[in-house]
N, C-alpha and C. Protein backbone atom coordinates (compact mmCIF):
# COMPACT_ATOMS: atom_id res chain seq x y z
N UNK A 1 -26.58 133.71 -109.60
CA UNK A 1 -26.40 134.64 -108.54
C UNK A 1 -26.72 136.05 -109.03
N UNK A 2 -26.40 136.30 -110.18
CA UNK A 2 -26.77 137.60 -110.68
C UNK A 2 -28.29 137.75 -110.76
N UNK A 3 -28.93 136.63 -110.95
CA UNK A 3 -30.38 136.67 -110.93
C UNK A 3 -30.90 137.04 -109.55
N UNK A 4 -30.27 136.57 -108.56
CA UNK A 4 -30.71 136.85 -107.19
C UNK A 4 -30.57 138.32 -106.91
N UNK A 5 -29.46 138.88 -107.35
CA UNK A 5 -29.27 140.31 -107.11
C UNK A 5 -30.28 141.13 -107.88
N UNK A 6 -30.62 140.69 -109.07
CA UNK A 6 -31.59 141.40 -109.86
C UNK A 6 -32.97 141.33 -109.24
N UNK A 7 -33.29 140.19 -108.77
CA UNK A 7 -34.59 140.00 -108.15
C UNK A 7 -34.68 140.81 -106.86
N UNK A 8 -33.62 140.84 -106.11
CA UNK A 8 -33.64 141.58 -104.85
C UNK A 8 -33.70 143.06 -105.14
N UNK A 9 -33.07 143.47 -106.21
CA UNK A 9 -33.06 144.88 -106.53
C UNK A 9 -34.43 145.29 -107.05
N UNK A 10 -35.12 144.44 -107.74
CA UNK A 10 -36.42 144.77 -108.26
C UNK A 10 -37.47 144.64 -107.18
N UNK A 11 -37.10 144.04 -106.12
CA UNK A 11 -38.06 143.86 -105.03
C UNK A 11 -38.99 142.71 -105.32
N UNK A 12 -38.56 141.79 -106.13
CA UNK A 12 -39.38 140.67 -106.53
C UNK A 12 -39.44 139.59 -105.50
N UNK A 13 -38.55 139.49 -104.56
CA UNK A 13 -38.55 138.42 -103.56
C UNK A 13 -39.18 138.94 -102.28
N UNK A 14 -39.79 138.05 -101.53
CA UNK A 14 -40.34 138.52 -100.27
C UNK A 14 -39.22 138.89 -99.30
N UNK A 15 -39.54 139.57 -98.27
CA UNK A 15 -38.60 140.11 -97.32
C UNK A 15 -37.79 139.03 -96.62
N UNK A 16 -38.36 137.92 -96.29
CA UNK A 16 -37.64 136.86 -95.62
C UNK A 16 -36.64 136.23 -96.53
N UNK A 17 -36.93 136.23 -97.77
CA UNK A 17 -36.05 135.55 -98.69
C UNK A 17 -34.98 136.47 -99.24
N UNK A 18 -35.04 137.70 -98.95
CA UNK A 18 -34.02 138.60 -99.45
C UNK A 18 -32.71 138.28 -98.74
N UNK A 19 -31.59 138.29 -99.44
CA UNK A 19 -30.29 137.94 -98.90
C UNK A 19 -29.53 139.24 -98.62
N UNK A 20 -29.03 139.28 -97.36
CA UNK A 20 -28.21 140.42 -96.96
C UNK A 20 -26.76 139.98 -97.12
N UNK A 21 -25.98 140.66 -97.90
CA UNK A 21 -24.60 140.21 -98.12
C UNK A 21 -23.72 140.43 -96.89
N UNK A 22 -24.14 141.21 -95.94
CA UNK A 22 -23.35 141.45 -94.74
C UNK A 22 -23.56 140.38 -93.68
N UNK A 23 -24.63 139.68 -93.68
CA UNK A 23 -24.90 138.64 -92.69
C UNK A 23 -24.72 137.31 -93.39
N UNK A 24 -23.79 136.47 -92.86
CA UNK A 24 -23.58 135.16 -93.49
C UNK A 24 -24.71 134.18 -93.12
N UNK A 25 -24.84 133.14 -93.90
CA UNK A 25 -25.87 132.15 -93.56
C UNK A 25 -25.52 131.42 -92.26
N UNK A 26 -26.49 130.84 -91.63
CA UNK A 26 -26.35 130.21 -90.33
C UNK A 26 -25.42 129.01 -90.36
N UNK A 27 -25.41 128.23 -91.34
CA UNK A 27 -24.53 127.06 -91.41
C UNK A 27 -23.06 127.51 -91.48
N UNK A 28 -22.77 128.66 -92.15
CA UNK A 28 -21.39 129.17 -92.19
C UNK A 28 -20.94 129.62 -90.80
N UNK A 29 -21.83 130.22 -90.07
CA UNK A 29 -21.50 130.70 -88.73
C UNK A 29 -21.19 129.50 -87.84
N UNK A 30 -22.03 128.43 -87.89
CA UNK A 30 -21.82 127.26 -87.04
C UNK A 30 -20.51 126.58 -87.41
N UNK A 31 -20.30 126.37 -88.68
CA UNK A 31 -19.07 125.69 -89.11
C UNK A 31 -17.83 126.57 -88.86
N UNK A 32 -17.95 127.82 -88.75
CA UNK A 32 -16.82 128.71 -88.43
C UNK A 32 -16.56 128.72 -86.93
N UNK A 33 -17.62 128.60 -86.12
CA UNK A 33 -17.46 128.61 -84.66
C UNK A 33 -16.80 127.31 -84.16
N UNK A 34 -17.05 126.20 -84.76
CA UNK A 34 -16.49 124.93 -84.30
C UNK A 34 -14.96 124.95 -84.45
N UNK A 35 -14.36 125.26 -85.59
CA UNK A 35 -12.88 125.31 -85.66
C UNK A 35 -12.30 126.42 -84.78
N UNK A 36 -13.06 127.53 -84.69
CA UNK A 36 -12.58 128.61 -83.81
C UNK A 36 -12.49 128.14 -82.36
N UNK A 37 -13.50 127.39 -81.91
CA UNK A 37 -13.51 126.88 -80.53
C UNK A 37 -12.38 125.86 -80.34
N UNK A 38 -12.15 125.02 -81.32
CA UNK A 38 -11.07 124.02 -81.21
C UNK A 38 -9.71 124.75 -81.16
N UNK A 39 -9.54 125.71 -82.01
CA UNK A 39 -8.28 126.47 -82.01
C UNK A 39 -8.12 127.23 -80.70
N UNK A 40 -9.22 127.80 -80.21
CA UNK A 40 -9.17 128.53 -78.94
C UNK A 40 -8.81 127.61 -77.79
N UNK A 41 -9.38 126.42 -77.74
CA UNK A 41 -9.08 125.45 -76.67
C UNK A 41 -7.63 125.01 -76.76
N UNK A 42 -7.16 124.70 -77.95
CA UNK A 42 -5.74 124.29 -78.11
C UNK A 42 -4.82 125.44 -77.72
N UNK A 43 -5.14 126.61 -78.16
CA UNK A 43 -4.33 127.78 -77.80
C UNK A 43 -4.33 127.98 -76.29
N UNK A 44 -5.54 127.86 -75.67
CA UNK A 44 -5.69 128.10 -74.24
C UNK A 44 -4.96 127.04 -73.41
N UNK A 45 -4.99 125.77 -73.84
CA UNK A 45 -4.41 124.69 -73.06
C UNK A 45 -2.90 124.52 -73.30
N UNK A 46 -2.43 124.72 -74.50
CA UNK A 46 -1.03 124.39 -74.80
C UNK A 46 -0.14 125.61 -75.10
N UNK A 47 -0.60 126.47 -75.93
CA UNK A 47 0.24 127.58 -76.38
C UNK A 47 0.33 128.68 -75.34
N UNK A 48 -0.79 129.06 -74.76
CA UNK A 48 -0.78 130.14 -73.79
C UNK A 48 0.07 129.82 -72.55
N UNK A 49 0.01 128.64 -71.94
CA UNK A 49 0.89 128.35 -70.79
C UNK A 49 2.38 128.40 -71.18
N UNK A 50 2.73 127.87 -72.35
CA UNK A 50 4.14 127.95 -72.79
C UNK A 50 4.56 129.40 -72.99
N UNK A 51 3.67 130.17 -73.58
CA UNK A 51 3.97 131.58 -73.81
C UNK A 51 4.16 132.31 -72.48
N UNK A 52 3.27 132.03 -71.49
CA UNK A 52 3.39 132.66 -70.19
C UNK A 52 4.67 132.20 -69.47
N UNK A 53 5.01 130.93 -69.63
CA UNK A 53 6.24 130.42 -69.02
C UNK A 53 7.47 131.13 -69.59
N UNK A 54 7.51 131.29 -70.88
CA UNK A 54 8.62 132.00 -71.52
C UNK A 54 8.65 133.45 -71.05
N UNK A 55 7.49 134.08 -70.94
CA UNK A 55 7.44 135.46 -70.46
C UNK A 55 7.95 135.56 -69.02
N UNK A 56 7.54 134.61 -68.17
CA UNK A 56 8.02 134.63 -66.78
C UNK A 56 9.53 134.40 -66.71
N UNK A 57 10.04 133.50 -67.55
CA UNK A 57 11.49 133.26 -67.57
C UNK A 57 12.25 134.53 -67.98
N UNK A 58 11.75 135.16 -69.02
CA UNK A 58 12.40 136.39 -69.45
C UNK A 58 12.29 137.48 -68.39
N UNK A 59 11.16 137.57 -67.74
CA UNK A 59 10.97 138.55 -66.68
C UNK A 59 11.92 138.26 -65.52
N UNK A 60 12.05 136.98 -65.17
CA UNK A 60 12.99 136.60 -64.11
C UNK A 60 14.43 136.91 -64.51
N UNK A 61 14.77 136.63 -65.76
CA UNK A 61 16.12 136.93 -66.23
C UNK A 61 16.38 138.43 -66.19
N UNK A 62 15.43 139.20 -66.62
CA UNK A 62 15.61 140.66 -66.62
C UNK A 62 15.72 141.17 -65.18
N UNK A 63 14.80 140.72 -64.32
CA UNK A 63 14.84 141.15 -62.92
C UNK A 63 16.12 140.66 -62.24
N UNK A 64 16.50 139.40 -62.53
CA UNK A 64 17.75 138.87 -61.97
C UNK A 64 18.95 139.64 -62.49
N UNK A 65 18.93 139.99 -63.75
CA UNK A 65 20.03 140.79 -64.31
C UNK A 65 20.09 142.16 -63.66
N UNK A 66 18.94 142.76 -63.45
CA UNK A 66 18.90 144.07 -62.79
C UNK A 66 19.41 143.94 -61.36
N UNK A 67 18.96 142.89 -60.66
CA UNK A 67 19.41 142.69 -59.28
C UNK A 67 20.91 142.41 -59.24
N UNK A 68 21.38 141.58 -60.18
CA UNK A 68 22.83 141.31 -60.23
C UNK A 68 23.60 142.59 -60.55
N UNK A 69 23.07 143.40 -61.44
CA UNK A 69 23.73 144.67 -61.77
C UNK A 69 23.73 145.61 -60.57
N UNK A 70 22.59 145.65 -59.85
CA UNK A 70 22.54 146.50 -58.65
C UNK A 70 23.50 145.97 -57.59
N UNK A 71 23.55 144.64 -57.43
CA UNK A 71 24.47 144.04 -56.45
C UNK A 71 25.92 144.33 -56.85
N UNK A 72 26.21 144.17 -58.13
CA UNK A 72 27.58 144.46 -58.60
C UNK A 72 27.90 145.94 -58.42
N UNK A 73 26.93 146.80 -58.67
CA UNK A 73 27.15 148.23 -58.49
C UNK A 73 27.37 148.54 -57.01
N UNK A 74 26.57 147.93 -56.12
CA UNK A 74 26.74 148.14 -54.68
C UNK A 74 28.10 147.61 -54.23
N UNK A 75 28.49 146.45 -54.76
CA UNK A 75 29.80 145.88 -54.41
C UNK A 75 30.93 146.76 -54.92
N UNK A 76 30.79 147.29 -56.11
CA UNK A 76 31.81 148.19 -56.65
C UNK A 76 31.88 149.47 -55.83
N UNK A 77 30.71 149.96 -55.41
CA UNK A 77 30.69 151.17 -54.59
C UNK A 77 31.35 150.90 -53.24
N UNK A 78 31.07 149.75 -52.65
CA UNK A 78 31.70 149.38 -51.37
C UNK A 78 33.21 149.23 -51.54
N UNK A 79 33.62 148.61 -52.64
CA UNK A 79 35.06 148.46 -52.90
C UNK A 79 35.71 149.82 -53.10
N UNK A 80 35.02 150.73 -53.80
CA UNK A 80 35.55 152.07 -54.01
C UNK A 80 35.68 152.81 -52.68
N UNK A 81 34.66 152.70 -51.83
CA UNK A 81 34.73 153.35 -50.51
C UNK A 81 35.86 152.76 -49.68
N UNK A 82 36.01 151.43 -49.74
CA UNK A 82 37.10 150.77 -49.02
C UNK A 82 38.45 151.24 -49.55
N UNK A 83 38.56 151.32 -50.87
CA UNK A 83 39.80 151.79 -51.49
C UNK A 83 40.10 153.23 -51.07
N UNK A 84 39.06 154.08 -51.10
CA UNK A 84 39.25 155.48 -50.70
C UNK A 84 39.64 155.58 -49.23
N UNK A 85 39.03 154.74 -48.38
CA UNK A 85 39.39 154.74 -46.96
C UNK A 85 40.84 154.29 -46.77
N UNK A 86 41.23 153.24 -47.50
CA UNK A 86 42.62 152.77 -47.41
C UNK A 86 43.58 153.82 -47.93
N UNK A 87 43.18 154.50 -49.00
CA UNK A 87 44.03 155.55 -49.57
C UNK A 87 44.18 156.70 -48.58
N UNK A 88 43.08 157.10 -47.94
CA UNK A 88 43.16 158.17 -46.94
C UNK A 88 44.02 157.73 -45.76
N UNK A 89 43.86 156.48 -45.35
CA UNK A 89 44.67 155.96 -44.24
C UNK A 89 46.14 155.92 -44.63
N UNK A 90 46.42 155.51 -45.86
CA UNK A 90 47.81 155.47 -46.33
C UNK A 90 48.39 156.88 -46.39
N UNK A 91 47.59 157.84 -46.84
CA UNK A 91 48.08 159.22 -46.90
C UNK A 91 48.35 159.75 -45.49
N UNK A 92 47.45 159.43 -44.55
CA UNK A 92 47.65 159.86 -43.16
C UNK A 92 48.90 159.22 -42.59
N UNK A 93 49.07 157.93 -42.87
CA UNK A 93 50.24 157.22 -42.37
C UNK A 93 51.52 157.77 -43.00
N UNK A 94 51.46 158.09 -44.30
CA UNK A 94 52.64 158.66 -44.97
C UNK A 94 52.98 160.02 -44.38
N UNK A 95 51.96 160.82 -44.10
CA UNK A 95 52.21 162.14 -43.49
C UNK A 95 52.82 161.97 -42.10
N UNK A 96 52.31 161.00 -41.36
CA UNK A 96 52.86 160.75 -40.02
C UNK A 96 54.31 160.26 -40.13
N UNK A 97 54.59 159.39 -41.09
CA UNK A 97 55.96 158.90 -41.28
C UNK A 97 56.88 160.05 -41.67
N UNK A 98 56.38 160.95 -42.56
CA UNK A 98 57.19 162.11 -42.94
C UNK A 98 57.48 162.99 -41.72
N UNK A 99 56.43 163.22 -40.91
CA UNK A 99 56.62 164.06 -39.72
C UNK A 99 57.59 163.40 -38.75
N UNK A 100 57.45 162.08 -38.58
CA UNK A 100 58.38 161.36 -37.70
C UNK A 100 59.80 161.44 -38.24
N UNK A 101 59.94 161.27 -39.54
CA UNK A 101 61.27 161.33 -40.16
C UNK A 101 61.87 162.73 -39.99
N UNK A 102 61.03 163.76 -40.17
CA UNK A 102 61.54 165.13 -39.98
C UNK A 102 61.98 165.34 -38.54
N UNK A 103 61.13 164.90 -37.59
CA UNK A 103 61.50 165.11 -36.18
C UNK A 103 62.74 164.29 -35.83
N UNK A 104 62.84 163.07 -36.36
CA UNK A 104 64.03 162.27 -36.11
C UNK A 104 65.25 162.91 -36.76
N UNK A 105 65.07 163.44 -37.97
CA UNK A 105 66.17 164.14 -38.64
C UNK A 105 66.63 165.35 -37.84
N UNK A 106 65.66 166.11 -37.34
CA UNK A 106 66.01 167.29 -36.53
C UNK A 106 66.69 166.85 -35.24
N UNK A 107 66.21 165.75 -34.66
CA UNK A 107 66.82 165.24 -33.44
C UNK A 107 68.25 164.77 -33.72
N UNK A 108 68.42 164.08 -34.85
CA UNK A 108 69.76 163.61 -35.22
C UNK A 108 70.68 164.80 -35.46
N UNK A 109 70.15 165.81 -36.14
CA UNK A 109 70.96 167.02 -36.40
C UNK A 109 71.34 167.68 -35.09
N UNK A 110 70.35 167.79 -34.18
CA UNK A 110 70.64 168.40 -32.88
C UNK A 110 71.66 167.57 -32.10
N UNK A 111 71.51 166.24 -32.14
CA UNK A 111 72.47 165.37 -31.46
C UNK A 111 73.86 165.51 -32.07
N UNK A 112 73.91 165.55 -33.40
CA UNK A 112 75.22 165.68 -34.07
C UNK A 112 75.84 167.04 -33.75
N UNK A 113 75.01 168.09 -33.70
CA UNK A 113 75.55 169.41 -33.34
C UNK A 113 76.07 169.39 -31.91
N UNK A 114 75.31 168.74 -31.01
CA UNK A 114 75.75 168.66 -29.61
C UNK A 114 77.05 167.87 -29.52
N UNK A 115 77.13 166.76 -30.26
CA UNK A 115 78.37 165.96 -30.25
C UNK A 115 79.52 166.77 -30.83
N UNK A 116 79.24 167.49 -31.92
CA UNK A 116 80.30 168.30 -32.54
C UNK A 116 80.74 169.40 -31.58
N UNK A 117 79.77 170.01 -30.90
CA UNK A 117 80.12 171.06 -29.93
C UNK A 117 80.93 170.47 -28.78
N UNK A 118 80.50 169.33 -28.28
CA UNK A 118 81.24 168.67 -27.20
C UNK A 118 82.65 168.30 -27.66
N UNK A 119 82.73 167.74 -28.87
CA UNK A 119 84.05 167.35 -29.41
C UNK A 119 84.93 168.58 -29.60
N UNK A 120 84.31 169.65 -30.11
CA UNK A 120 85.05 170.90 -30.32
C UNK A 120 85.54 171.44 -28.97
N UNK A 121 84.66 171.45 -27.99
CA UNK A 121 85.06 171.92 -26.65
C UNK A 121 86.17 171.05 -26.07
N UNK A 122 86.04 169.73 -26.27
CA UNK A 122 87.07 168.82 -25.76
C UNK A 122 88.40 169.07 -26.46
N UNK A 123 88.35 169.29 -27.77
CA UNK A 123 89.58 169.54 -28.52
C UNK A 123 90.19 170.87 -28.09
N UNK A 124 89.33 171.90 -27.93
CA UNK A 124 89.83 173.21 -27.50
C UNK A 124 90.43 173.09 -26.09
N UNK A 125 89.75 172.38 -25.20
CA UNK A 125 90.25 172.21 -23.83
C UNK A 125 91.56 171.43 -23.84
N UNK A 126 91.61 170.39 -24.66
CA UNK A 126 92.85 169.61 -24.77
C UNK A 126 93.97 170.48 -25.33
N UNK A 127 93.63 171.29 -26.33
CA UNK A 127 94.63 172.21 -26.91
C UNK A 127 95.09 173.23 -25.88
N UNK A 128 94.13 173.75 -25.10
CA UNK A 128 94.51 174.72 -24.05
C UNK A 128 95.42 174.07 -23.01
N UNK A 129 95.11 172.82 -22.64
CA UNK A 129 95.95 172.12 -21.67
C UNK A 129 97.35 171.90 -22.24
N UNK A 130 97.39 171.48 -23.50
CA UNK A 130 98.70 171.27 -24.13
C UNK A 130 99.46 172.59 -24.22
N UNK A 131 98.73 173.64 -24.60
CA UNK A 131 99.35 174.95 -24.70
C UNK A 131 99.87 175.42 -23.35
N UNK A 132 99.08 175.19 -22.31
CA UNK A 132 99.48 175.58 -20.96
C UNK A 132 100.71 174.77 -20.52
N UNK A 133 100.69 173.45 -20.85
CA UNK A 133 101.83 172.61 -20.48
C UNK A 133 103.08 173.05 -21.24
N UNK A 134 102.92 173.34 -22.54
CA UNK A 134 104.07 173.79 -23.33
C UNK A 134 104.56 175.15 -22.83
N UNK A 135 103.62 176.01 -22.48
CA UNK A 135 104.00 177.32 -21.95
C UNK A 135 104.79 177.17 -20.65
N UNK A 136 104.30 176.28 -19.79
CA UNK A 136 105.00 176.05 -18.52
C UNK A 136 106.40 175.48 -18.78
N UNK A 137 106.49 174.56 -19.77
CA UNK A 137 107.80 173.98 -20.09
C UNK A 137 108.72 175.05 -20.67
N UNK A 138 108.17 175.90 -21.53
CA UNK A 138 108.99 176.96 -22.14
C UNK A 138 109.44 177.94 -21.06
N UNK A 139 108.49 178.31 -20.17
CA UNK A 139 108.85 179.24 -19.10
C UNK A 139 109.92 178.61 -18.21
N UNK A 140 109.78 177.33 -17.91
CA UNK A 140 110.78 176.65 -17.07
C UNK A 140 112.13 176.62 -17.76
N UNK A 141 112.12 176.29 -19.06
CA UNK A 141 113.40 176.26 -19.81
C UNK A 141 113.99 177.66 -19.89
N UNK A 142 113.14 178.67 -20.14
CA UNK A 142 113.65 180.03 -20.20
C UNK A 142 114.22 180.49 -18.86
N UNK A 143 113.57 180.14 -17.79
CA UNK A 143 114.08 180.51 -16.47
C UNK A 143 115.42 179.85 -16.22
N UNK A 144 115.49 178.61 -16.60
CA UNK A 144 116.76 177.90 -16.39
C UNK A 144 117.86 178.56 -17.21
N UNK A 145 117.54 178.81 -18.50
CA UNK A 145 118.54 179.43 -19.38
C UNK A 145 118.88 180.84 -18.90
N UNK A 146 117.86 181.59 -18.52
CA UNK A 146 118.12 182.94 -18.05
C UNK A 146 118.92 182.94 -16.75
N UNK A 147 118.62 181.98 -15.91
CA UNK A 147 119.37 181.87 -14.66
C UNK A 147 120.84 181.59 -14.93
N UNK A 148 121.07 180.65 -15.83
CA UNK A 148 122.46 180.31 -16.15
C UNK A 148 123.15 181.49 -16.82
N UNK A 149 122.45 182.15 -17.73
CA UNK A 149 123.03 183.31 -18.41
C UNK A 149 123.29 184.46 -17.43
N UNK A 150 122.34 184.64 -16.52
CA UNK A 150 122.54 185.73 -15.56
C UNK A 150 123.70 185.42 -14.61
N UNK A 151 123.88 184.17 -14.25
CA UNK A 151 125.01 183.79 -13.38
C UNK A 151 126.32 183.99 -14.12
N UNK A 152 126.36 183.53 -15.36
CA UNK A 152 127.62 183.71 -16.10
C UNK A 152 127.88 185.18 -16.36
N UNK A 153 126.85 185.98 -16.59
CA UNK A 153 127.02 187.42 -16.76
C UNK A 153 127.47 188.08 -15.45
N UNK A 154 126.87 187.63 -14.36
CA UNK A 154 127.25 188.18 -13.05
C UNK A 154 128.69 187.80 -12.72
N UNK A 155 129.09 186.59 -13.06
CA UNK A 155 130.47 186.16 -12.80
C UNK A 155 131.43 187.01 -13.61
N UNK A 156 131.09 187.33 -14.80
CA UNK A 156 131.96 188.16 -15.63
C UNK A 156 132.05 189.57 -15.06
N UNK A 157 130.88 190.07 -14.64
CA UNK A 157 130.88 191.43 -14.10
C UNK A 157 131.61 191.50 -12.77
N UNK A 158 131.39 190.54 -11.95
CA UNK A 158 132.02 190.56 -10.63
C UNK A 158 133.45 190.07 -10.69
N UNK A 159 133.73 189.29 -11.63
CA UNK A 159 135.07 188.78 -11.76
C UNK A 159 135.33 187.62 -10.81
N UNK A 160 134.44 187.17 -10.15
CA UNK A 160 134.64 186.02 -9.25
C UNK A 160 133.62 184.97 -9.61
N UNK A 161 133.89 183.85 -9.10
CA UNK A 161 133.02 182.75 -9.44
C UNK A 161 132.00 182.54 -8.34
N UNK A 162 130.75 182.40 -8.78
CA UNK A 162 129.68 182.15 -7.83
C UNK A 162 129.45 180.63 -7.81
N UNK A 163 130.27 179.97 -7.06
CA UNK A 163 130.22 178.52 -7.08
C UNK A 163 129.32 177.95 -6.02
N UNK A 164 129.01 178.74 -5.10
CA UNK A 164 128.18 178.24 -4.02
C UNK A 164 126.75 178.06 -4.56
N UNK A 165 126.23 176.86 -4.43
CA UNK A 165 124.88 176.55 -4.94
C UNK A 165 123.82 177.35 -4.22
N UNK A 166 123.98 177.59 -2.97
CA UNK A 166 122.98 178.32 -2.21
C UNK A 166 122.95 179.75 -2.68
N UNK A 167 124.10 180.34 -2.85
CA UNK A 167 124.15 181.71 -3.36
C UNK A 167 123.57 181.75 -4.76
N UNK A 168 123.97 180.79 -5.53
CA UNK A 168 123.54 180.76 -6.92
C UNK A 168 122.01 180.66 -6.98
N UNK A 169 121.38 179.74 -6.25
CA UNK A 169 119.93 179.57 -6.31
C UNK A 169 119.23 180.80 -5.74
N UNK A 170 119.76 181.42 -4.73
CA UNK A 170 119.17 182.65 -4.18
C UNK A 170 119.25 183.77 -5.17
N UNK A 171 120.40 183.91 -5.84
CA UNK A 171 120.58 184.96 -6.83
C UNK A 171 119.62 184.73 -7.99
N UNK A 172 119.51 183.50 -8.43
CA UNK A 172 118.64 183.17 -9.57
C UNK A 172 117.19 183.45 -9.21
N UNK A 173 116.78 183.02 -8.00
CA UNK A 173 115.40 183.23 -7.60
C UNK A 173 115.07 184.71 -7.48
N UNK A 174 115.97 185.48 -6.93
CA UNK A 174 115.69 186.91 -6.80
C UNK A 174 115.64 187.57 -8.17
N UNK A 175 116.51 187.15 -9.08
CA UNK A 175 116.54 187.70 -10.44
C UNK A 175 115.22 187.38 -11.17
N UNK A 176 114.78 186.13 -11.03
CA UNK A 176 113.54 185.71 -11.71
C UNK A 176 112.34 186.41 -11.10
N UNK A 177 112.33 186.60 -9.82
CA UNK A 177 111.24 187.32 -9.18
C UNK A 177 111.19 188.75 -9.69
N UNK A 178 112.35 189.37 -9.85
CA UNK A 178 112.39 190.72 -10.42
C UNK A 178 111.84 190.71 -11.85
N UNK A 179 112.18 189.69 -12.63
CA UNK A 179 111.68 189.58 -14.01
C UNK A 179 110.16 189.43 -14.02
N UNK A 180 109.66 188.63 -13.09
CA UNK A 180 108.21 188.44 -13.02
C UNK A 180 107.52 189.74 -12.68
N UNK A 181 108.08 190.53 -11.76
CA UNK A 181 107.48 191.81 -11.41
C UNK A 181 107.52 192.76 -12.59
N UNK A 182 108.60 192.78 -13.34
CA UNK A 182 108.72 193.64 -14.48
C UNK A 182 107.71 193.21 -15.57
N UNK A 183 107.57 191.87 -15.77
CA UNK A 183 106.65 191.34 -16.80
C UNK A 183 105.20 191.66 -16.48
N UNK A 184 104.80 191.60 -15.23
CA UNK A 184 103.41 191.87 -14.86
C UNK A 184 103.11 193.35 -14.86
N UNK A 185 104.09 194.19 -14.59
CA UNK A 185 103.85 195.64 -14.57
C UNK A 185 103.69 196.16 -16.00
N UNK A 186 104.24 195.51 -17.01
CA UNK A 186 104.12 195.94 -18.42
C UNK A 186 102.75 195.61 -18.99
N UNK A 187 102.13 194.59 -18.49
CA UNK A 187 100.82 194.16 -19.02
C UNK A 187 99.82 195.16 -18.58
């Protein structure tokens, strides 16, 4: 082989017979193309479809995962909106319950005040009636006592006995009438 290079370098070989190291001989090209074609056919028929199937499966998994994530996100968003709506409704209902409780409390307070006022008025009226009845009883007892005292005083002064009931009642009535006139003129 070194001889070939020497001969080619000296220009001793004709042009057709000179060997170019960059271009392989024709038999090498043919024998290289046959295994390449067999490998290409096997790759094209068996490996490439499996590879594409795996790629499609992964693509479907990724797209399905994205769709499931979007669906879960939409579902979570809907649940959050529902929760917020329920929370707002609960707050509104709680405010309404508080307002109702306040108005009922104020109504109860007003009713209790009215009942207390009525009870107080009834007690005062009952007390006034009792006081008036006791006053009338005291006045009646005082008149009776004063009448008897005035008769006994008059009997002592006159020295005679006022035994006549008609005289006695007339004297007592006139005396009490005089007392009533004196009592009203002082007021």
